[in-house]
PDB file of N, CA and C in Angstrom:
ATOM      1  N   ASN A   1     -12.224   3.957  18.573  1.00  0.00           N
ATOM      2  CA  ASN A   1     -12.189   2.732  19.263  1.00  0.00           C
ATOM      3  C   ASN A   1     -12.374   1.580  18.751  1.00  0.00           C
ATOM      4  N   HIS A   2     -12.487   1.652  17.689  1.00  0.00           N
ATOM      5  CA  HIS A   2     -13.282   0.037  17.622  1.00  0.00           C
ATOM      6  C   HIS A   2     -11.999  -0.989  17.012  1.00  0.00           C
ATOM      7  N   ARG A   3     -12.441  -2.511  17.753  1.00  0.00           N
ATOM      8  CA  ARG A   3     -11.411  -3.050  17.605  1.00  0.00           C
ATOM      9  C   ARG A   3     -10.795  -3.500  16.498  1.00  0.00           C
ATOM     10  N   SER A   4     -11.539  -3.594  14.934  1.00  0.00           N
ATOM     11  CA  SER A   4     -10.826  -3.539  13.982  1.00  0.00           C
ATOM     12  C   SER A   4     -10.240  -2.901  13.461  1.00  0.00           C
ATOM     13  N   PHE A   5     -10.616  -1.744  13.121  1.00  0.00           N
ATOM     14  CA  PHE A   5     -10.034  -0.577  12.220  1.00  0.00           C
ATOM     15  C   PHE A   5      -9.154   0.723  13.201  1.00  0.00           C
ATOM     16  N   GLY A   6      -9.260   0.546  14.654  1.00  0.00           N
ATOM     17  CA  GLY A   6      -8.722   1.862  15.806  1.00  0.00           C
ATOM     18  C   GLY A   6      -7.430   1.750  15.742  1.00  0.00           C
ATOM     19  N   PRO A   7      -6.941   0.287  15.230  1.00  0.00           N
ATOM     20  CA  PRO A   7      -5.410   0.505  15.536  1.00  0.00           C
ATOM     21  C   PRO A   7      -4.808   1.145  14.164  1.00  0.00           C
ATOM     22  N   LEU A   8      -5.632   0.288  13.080  1.00  0.00           N
ATOM     23  CA  LEU A   8      -4.838   1.119  11.467  1.00  0.00           C
ATOM     24  C   LEU A   8      -4.964   2.599  11.436  1.00  0.00           C
ATOM     25  N   ILE A   9      -6.388   3.337  12.008  1.00  0.00           N
ATOM     26  CA  ILE A   9      -6.397   4.601  12.341  1.00  0.00           C
ATOM     27  C   ILE A   9      -5.229   5.543  13.040  1.00  0.00           C
ATOM     28  N   ARG A  10      -5.809   4.840  13.790  1.00  0.00           N
ATOM     29  CA  ARG A  10      -4.282   5.708  15.162  1.00  0.00           C
ATOM     30  C   ARG A  10      -2.585   5.792  14.653  1.00  0.00           C
ATOM     31  N   ASN A  11      -2.271   4.290  13.923  1.00  0.00           N
ATOM     32  CA  ASN A  11      -1.113   4.314  13.305  1.00  0.00           C
ATOM     33  C   ASN A  11      -0.828   5.538  12.363  1.00  0.00           C
ATOM     34  N   TRP A  12      -1.918   5.163  11.200  1.00  0.00           N
ATOM     35  CA  TRP A  12      -1.881   6.094  10.259  1.00  0.00           C
ATOM     36  C   TRP A  12      -1.776   7.734  10.958  1.00  0.00           C
ATOM     37  N   ARG A  13      -3.256   8.146  11.883  1.00  0.00           N
ATOM     38  CA  ARG A  13      -3.032   9.282  12.269  1.00  0.00           C
ATOM     39  C   ARG A  13      -1.971   9.844  13.020  1.00  0.00           C
ATOM     40  N   ASP A  14      -1.505   9.075  13.347  1.00  0.00           N
ATOM     41  CA  ASP A  14      -0.211   9.094  14.896  1.00  0.00           C
ATOM     42  C   ASP A  14       1.178   9.167  14.167  1.00  0.00           C
ATOM     43  N   TYR A  15       1.425   8.450  13.264  1.00  0.00           N
ATOM     44  CA  TYR A  15       2.797   8.110  13.070  1.00  0.00           C
ATOM     45  C   TYR A  15       3.019   8.210  11.476  1.00  0.00           C
ATOM     46  N   GLY A  16       1.708   7.891  10.418  1.00  0.00           N
ATOM     47  CA  GLY A  16       1.638   8.286   9.353  1.00  0.00           C
ATOM     48  C   GLY A  16       1.942   6.492   8.441  1.00  0.00           C
ATOM     49  N   ALA A  17       2.466   5.222   9.141  1.00  0.00           N
ATOM     50  CA  ALA A  17       2.482   4.110   9.176  1.00  0.00           C
ATOM     51  C   ALA A  17       1.297   3.719   8.863  1.00  0.00           C
ATOM     52  N   ILE A  18       1.467   2.734   7.670  1.00  0.00           N
ATOM     53  CA  ILE A  18       1.006   1.331   7.661  1.00  0.00           C
ATOM     54  C   ILE A  18       1.665  -0.143   7.497  1.00  0.00           C
ATOM     55  N   ASP A  19       0.710  -0.825   8.488  1.00  0.00           N
ATOM     56  CA  ASP A  19       1.454  -1.760   9.054  1.00  0.00           C
ATOM     57  C   ASP A  19       2.333  -3.134   7.497  1.00  0.00           C
ATOM     58  N   ARG A  20       2.554  -3.796   8.122  1.00  0.00           N
ATOM     59  CA  ARG A  20       3.443  -5.172   6.752  1.00  0.00           C
ATOM     60  C   ARG A  20       1.729  -5.193   6.972  1.00  0.00           C
ATOM     61  N   THR A  21       1.740  -5.791   7.347  1.00  0.00           N
ATOM     62  CA  THR A  21       0.152  -7.077   7.241  1.00  0.00           C
ATOM     63  C   THR A  21      -0.525  -6.545   6.014  1.00  0.00           C
ATOM     64  N   SER A  22      -0.733  -5.045   6.339  1.00  0.00           N
ATOM     65  CA  SER A  22      -1.361  -4.257   5.172  1.00  0.00           C
ATOM     66  C   SER A  22      -1.017  -4.732   4.255  1.00  0.00           C
ATOM     67  N   LYS A  23       0.367  -3.648   4.115  1.00  0.00           N
ATOM     68  CA  LYS A  23       1.251  -3.522   3.122  1.00  0.00           C
ATOM     69  C   LYS A  23       1.270  -4.761   1.911  1.00  0.00           C
ATOM     70  N   VAL A  24       1.152  -5.917   2.917  1.00  0.00           N
ATOM     71  CA  VAL A  24       0.974  -7.295   1.993  1.00  0.00           C
ATOM     72  C   VAL A  24      -0.308  -7.585   0.989  1.00  0.00           C
ATOM     73  N   ILE A  25      -1.466  -7.217   2.627  1.00  0.00           N
ATOM     74  CA  ILE A  25      -2.546  -7.316   1.347  1.00  0.00           C
ATOM     75  C   ILE A  25      -2.575  -6.409   0.012  1.00  0.00           C
ATOM     76  N   ALA A  26      -2.841  -5.305   0.790  1.00  0.00           N
ATOM     77  CA  ALA A  26      -2.547  -4.131  -0.606  1.00  0.00           C
ATOM     78  C   ALA A  26      -1.883  -4.543  -1.724  1.00  0.00           C
ATOM     79  N   ILE A  27      -1.143  -4.625  -1.791  1.00  0.00           N
ATOM     80  CA  ILE A  27      -0.164  -5.430  -2.573  1.00  0.00           C
ATOM     81  C   ILE A  27      -0.289  -6.948  -3.381  1.00  0.00           C
ATOM     82  N   LEU A  28      -0.998  -7.357  -3.077  1.00  0.00           N
ATOM     83  CA  LEU A  28      -1.379  -8.598  -2.941  1.00  0.00           C
ATOM     84  C   LEU A  28      -3.043  -8.391  -4.102  1.00  0.00           C
ATOM     85  N   VAL A  29      -3.867  -7.160  -3.742  1.00  0.00           N
ATOM     86  CA  VAL A  29      -5.124  -7.149  -4.038  1.00  0.00           C
ATOM     87  C   VAL A  29      -4.613  -6.819  -5.554  1.00  0.00           C
ATOM     88  N   MET A  30      -3.354  -5.378  -5.637  1.00  0.00           N
ATOM     89  CA  MET A  30      -3.491  -5.075  -6.628  1.00  0.00           C
ATOM     90  C   MET A  30      -2.274  -5.898  -7.556  1.00  0.00           C
ATOM     91  N   ILE A  31      -2.677  -6.310  -7.714  1.00  0.00           N
ATOM     92  CA  ILE A  31      -1.363  -8.194  -8.411  1.00  0.00           C
ATOM     93  C   ILE A  31      -2.655  -8.576  -9.025  1.00  0.00           C
ATOM     94  N   ALA A  32      -3.455  -9.097  -8.859  1.00  0.00           N
ATOM     95  CA  ALA A  32      -4.813 -10.162  -8.273  1.00  0.00           C
ATOM     96  C   ALA A  32      -5.551  -9.249  -9.526  1.00  0.00           C
ATOM     97  N   ALA A  33      -5.793  -7.554  -8.909  1.00  0.00           N
ATOM     98  CA  ALA A  33      -6.552  -6.388  -9.823  1.00  0.00           C
ATOM     99  C   ALA A  33      -6.092  -6.960 -11.309  1.00  0.00           C
ATOM    100  N   PHE A  34      -4.651  -6.722 -11.494  1.00  0.00           N
ATOM    101  CA  PHE A  34      -3.792  -6.594 -12.568  1.00  0.00           C
ATOM    102  C   PHE A  34      -4.503  -7.609 -13.305  1.00  0.00           C
ATOM    103  N   ALA A  35      -4.223  -8.609 -12.876  1.00  0.00           N
ATOM    104  CA  ALA A  35      -3.971  -9.950 -13.766  1.00  0.00           C
ATOM    105  C   ALA A  35      -6.150 -10.404 -13.993  1.00  0.00           C
ATOM    106  N   LEU A  36      -5.933 -10.044 -12.905  1.00  0.00           N
ATOM    107  CA  LEU A  36      -7.816 -10.447 -13.761  1.00  0.00           C
ATOM    108  C   LEU A  36      -7.994  -9.594 -14.543  1.00  0.00           C
ATOM    109  N   SER A  37      -7.271  -8.651 -14.863  1.00  0.00           N
ATOM    110  CA  SER A  37      -7.895  -7.436 -16.566  1.00  0.00           C
ATOM    111  C   SER A  37      -7.235  -8.076 -17.746  1.00  0.00           C
ATOM    112  N   TRP A  38      -5.844  -8.185 -17.309  1.00  0.00           N
ATOM    113  CA  TRP A  38      -4.926  -9.000 -18.317  1.00  0.00           C
ATOM    114  C   TRP A  38      -5.588 -10.247 -18.715  1.00  0.00           C
ATOM    115  N   PHE A  39      -5.978 -10.908 -17.920  1.00  0.00           N
ATOM    116  CA  PHE A  39      -6.698 -12.069 -18.083  1.00  0.00           C
ATOM    117  C   PHE A  39      -8.254 -12.240 -18.984  1.00  0.00           C
ATOM    118  N   MET A  40      -8.926 -10.475 -18.891  1.00  0.00           N
ATOM    119  CA  MET A  40     -10.313 -10.499 -18.883  1.00  0.00           C
ATOM    120  C   MET A  40      -9.960 -10.029 -20.820  1.00  0.00           C
ATOM    121  N   GLY A  41      -8.182  -9.514 -20.890  1.00  0.00           N
ATOM    122  CA  GLY A  41      -8.247  -9.496 -23.076  1.00  0.00           C
ATOM    123  C   GLY A  41      -7.799  -7.932 -22.776  1.00  0.00           C
ATOM    124  N   LEU A  42      -8.132  -7.286 -21.361  1.00  0.00           N
ATOM    125  CA  LEU A  42      -9.230  -5.737 -21.831  1.00  0.00           C
ATOM    126  C   LEU A  42      -7.292  -4.721 -22.484  1.00  0.00           C
ATOM    127  N   GLY A  43      -7.987  -4.046 -23.724  1.00  0.00           N
ATOM    128  CA  GLY A  43      -7.327  -3.424 -24.102  1.00  0.00           C
ATOM    129  C   GLY A  43      -5.406  -3.035 -23.593  1.00  0.00           C
ATOM    130  N   TRP A  44      -4.755  -2.713 -24.423  1.00  0.00           N
ATOM    131  CA  TRP A  44      -3.485  -2.825 -24.290  1.00  0.00           C
ATOM    132  C   TRP A  44      -3.044  -1.605 -23.029  1.00  0.00           C
ATOM    133  N   TRP A  45      -3.725  -0.198 -23.175  1.00  0.00           N
ATOM    134  CA  TRP A  45      -4.111   1.059 -22.947  1.00  0.00           C
ATOM    135  C   TRP A  45      -4.471   1.345 -22.018  1.00  0.00           C
ATOM    136  N   ILE A  46      -5.522   0.274 -21.282  1.00  0.00           N
ATOM    137  CA  ILE A  46      -6.703   0.319 -20.267  1.00  0.00           C
ATOM    138  C   ILE A  46      -5.136  -0.564 -18.978  1.00  0.00           C
ATOM    139  N   LEU A  47      -4.423  -1.855 -19.586  1.00  0.00           N
ATOM    140  CA  LEU A  47      -3.463  -2.423 -18.560  1.00  0.00           C
ATOM    141  C   LEU A  47      -2.086  -1.285 -18.531  1.00  0.00           C
ATOM    142  N   LEU A  48      -1.879  -0.232 -19.032  1.00  0.00           N
ATOM    143  CA  LEU A  48      -0.751   0.555 -18.878  1.00  0.00           C
ATOM    144  C   LEU A  48      -0.840   1.127 -18.015  1.00  0.00           C
ATOM    145  N   THR A  49      -2.847   2.168 -18.354  1.00  0.00           N
ATOM    146  CA  THR A  49      -3.140   3.290 -17.057  1.00  0.00           C
ATOM    147  C   THR A  49      -3.189   2.402 -16.408  1.00  0.00           C
ATOM    148  N   GLN A  50      -3.418   1.426 -16.011  1.00  0.00           N
ATOM    149  CA  GLN A  50      -3.968   1.039 -14.620  1.00  0.00           C
ATOM    150  C   GLN A  50      -2.610   0.785 -14.276  1.00  0.00           C
ATOM    151  N   ALA A  51      -1.310  -0.200 -14.799  1.00  0.00           N
ATOM    152  CA  ALA A  51      -0.070  -0.599 -13.933  1.00  0.00           C
ATOM    153  C   ALA A  51       0.674   0.707 -13.798  1.00  0.00           C
ATOM    154  N   LEU A  52       0.400   1.570 -14.522  1.00  0.00           N
ATOM    155  CA  LEU A  52       0.955   3.189 -14.074  1.00  0.00           C
ATOM    156  C   LEU A  52       0.118   3.534 -12.896  1.00  0.00           C
ATOM    157  N   VAL A  53      -1.082   3.359 -12.674  1.00  0.00           N
ATOM    158  CA  VAL A  53      -1.340   3.619 -10.930  1.00  0.00           C
ATOM    159  C   VAL A  53      -1.180   2.713 -10.133  1.00  0.00           C
ATOM    160  N   LEU A  54      -1.223   1.777 -10.819  1.00  0.00           N
ATOM    161  CA  LEU A  54      -1.335   1.105  -9.315  1.00  0.00           C
ATOM    162  C   LEU A  54       0.365   0.285  -8.560  1.00  0.00           C
ATOM    163  N   SER A  55       1.982   1.122  -9.520  1.00  0.00           N
ATOM    164  CA  SER A  55       2.826   1.251  -9.876  1.00  0.00           C
ATOM    165  C   SER A  55       3.087   2.682  -8.896  1.00  0.00           C
ATOM    166  N   ALA A  56       2.832   3.341  -9.009  1.00  0.00           N
ATOM    167  CA  ALA A  56       2.778   5.150  -8.426  1.00  0.00           C
ATOM    168  C   ALA A  56       1.531   4.305  -6.944  1.00  0.00           C
ATOM    169  N   SER A  57       0.263   3.396  -6.750  1.00  0.00           N
ATOM    170  CA  SER A  57      -0.297   3.530  -5.334  1.00  0.00           C
ATOM    171  C   SER A  57       0.664   2.595  -4.848  1.00  0.00           C
ATOM    172  N   ALA A  58       1.557   1.600  -4.925  1.00  0.00           N
ATOM    173  CA  ALA A  58       1.679   0.788  -4.556  1.00  0.00           C
ATOM    174  C   ALA A  58       3.520   1.320  -3.721  1.00  0.00           C
ATOM    175  N   THR A  59       4.280   1.886  -5.298  1.00  0.00           N
ATOM    176  CA  THR A  59       5.172   3.249  -4.551  1.00  0.00           C
ATOM    177  C   THR A  59       4.618   4.059  -2.972  1.00  0.00           C
ATOM    178  N   PHE A  60       3.709   4.315  -3.014  1.00  0.00           N
ATOM    179  CA  PHE A  60       3.358   4.982  -2.329  1.00  0.00           C
ATOM    180  C   PHE A  60       3.171   4.234  -0.642  1.00  0.00           C
ATOM    181  N   ILE A  61       2.116   3.257  -1.220  1.00  0.00           N
ATOM    182  CA  ILE A  61       2.340   2.343   0.409  1.00  0.00           C
ATOM    183  C   ILE A  61       3.560   1.796   1.008  1.00  0.00           C
ATOM    184  N   LEU A  62       4.087   1.303   0.098  1.00  0.00           N
ATOM    185  CA  LEU A  62       5.938   1.110   0.527  1.00  0.00           C
ATOM    186  C   LEU A  62       6.108   1.362   0.757  1.00  0.00           C
ATOM    187  N   SER A  63       6.693   3.369   0.469  1.00  0.00           N
ATOM    188  CA  SER A  63       7.434   3.704   1.027  1.00  0.00           C
ATOM    189  C   SER A  63       7.136   4.868   2.274  1.00  0.00           C
ATOM    190  N   ARG A  64       5.567   3.818   2.980  1.00  0.00           N
ATOM    191  CA  ARG A  64       5.230   4.388   4.318  1.00  0.00           C
ATOM    192  C   ARG A  64       5.635   3.288   6.253  1.00  0.00           C
ATOM    193  N   PRO A  65       6.526   4.726   6.633  1.00  0.00           N
ATOM    194  CA  PRO A  65       7.094   3.246   7.523  1.00  0.00           C
ATOM    195  C   PRO A  65       6.047   2.340   8.333  1.00  0.00           C
ATOM    196  N   SER A  66       5.814   1.062   8.797  1.00  0.00           N
ATOM    197  CA  SER A  66       5.636  -0.058   8.750  1.00  0.00           C
ATOM    198  C   SER A  66       5.001   0.568  10.392  1.00  0.00           C
ATOM    199  N   GLY A  67       5.312   1.250  11.121  1.00  0.00           N
ATOM    200  CA  GLY A  67       4.758   1.954  12.681  1.00  0.00           C
ATOM    201  C   GLY A  67       5.679   2.715  13.427  1.00  0.00           C
ATOM    202  N   PRO A  68       5.579   2.945  14.537  1.00  0.00           N
ATOM    203  CA  PRO A  68       6.340   4.464  14.871  1.00  0.00           C
ATOM    204  C   PRO A  68       7.056   3.749  15.288  1.00  0.00           C
ATOM    205  N   GLY A  69       8.181   2.812  15.568  1.00  0.00           N
ATOM    206  CA  GLY A  69       9.490   2.568  15.437  1.00  0.00           C
ATOM    207  C   GLY A  69      10.604   2.918  14.069  1.00  0.00           C
ATOM    208  N   GLU A  70       9.858   2.125  13.134  1.00  0.00           N
ATOM    209  CA  GLU A  70      10.160   2.422  12.334  1.00  0.00           C
ATOM    210  C   GLU A  70      10.600   4.224  11.448  1.00  0.00           C
ATOM    211  N   LYS A  71       9.157   4.875  12.636  1.00  0.00           N
ATOM    212  CA  LYS A  71       9.596   6.561  11.702  1.00  0.00           C
ATOM    213  C   LYS A  71      10.724   7.007  12.405  1.00  0.00           C
ATOM    214  N   LYS A  72      10.518   6.614  13.694  1.00  0.00           N
ATOM    215  CA  LYS A  72      11.880   7.230  14.264  1.00  0.00           C
ATOM    216  C   LYS A  72      13.077   6.757  13.763  1.00  0.00           C
ATOM    217  N   ALA A  73      13.403   5.620  13.593  1.00  0.00           N
ATOM    218  CA  ALA A  73      14.940   4.925  12.941  1.00  0.00           C
ATOM    219  C   ALA A  73      14.677   5.676  11.769  1.00  0.00           C
ATOM    220  N   ARG A  74      13.812   5.963  10.510  1.00  0.00           N
ATOM    221  CA  ARG A  74      14.307   6.540   9.655  1.00  0.00           C
ATOM    222  C   ARG A  74      14.040   8.976  10.101  1.00  0.00           C
ATOM    223  N   GLN A  75      14.547   8.449  10.840  1.00  0.00           N
ATOM    224  CA  GLN A  75      15.282  10.112  11.494  1.00  0.00           C
ATOM    225  C   GLN A  75      16.076  10.604  11.671  1.00  0.00           C
ATOM    226  N   ARG A  76      16.457   9.199  12.468  1.00  0.00           N
ATOM    227  CA  ARG A  76      17.957   9.285  13.063  1.00  0.00           C
ATOM    228  C   ARG A  76      19.063   9.031  12.152  1.00  0.00           C
ATOM    229  N   SER A  77      18.400   8.358  10.271  1.00  0.00           N
ATOM    230  CA  SER A  77      19.978   7.559   9.809  1.00  0.00           C
ATOM    231  C   SER A  77      19.919   8.990   9.205  1.00  0.00           C
ATOM    232  N   PRO A  78      21.252   9.122   7.946  1.00  0.00           N
ATOM    233  CA  PRO A  78      21.520  10.529   7.712  1.00  0.00           C
ATOM    234  C   PRO A  78      20.854  10.306   5.755  1.00  0.00           C
TER     235      PRO A  78
END
């Protein structure tokens, strides 16, 4: 019933969906975190590990439907 988080939680619980705005924000924060690490001069192995983890996370987020309509369309397509 929360005004801000309720719709996001219902969308995830009912459809396994993440809305487009949340996807964009998540990807931008991941890019910013990696850029900050790079500008701080962290070691290459830390950057590589971070890039792999962030890439896997981004892939998961982007592979989720954006809402109930998108999930139904995906189920109908061959």
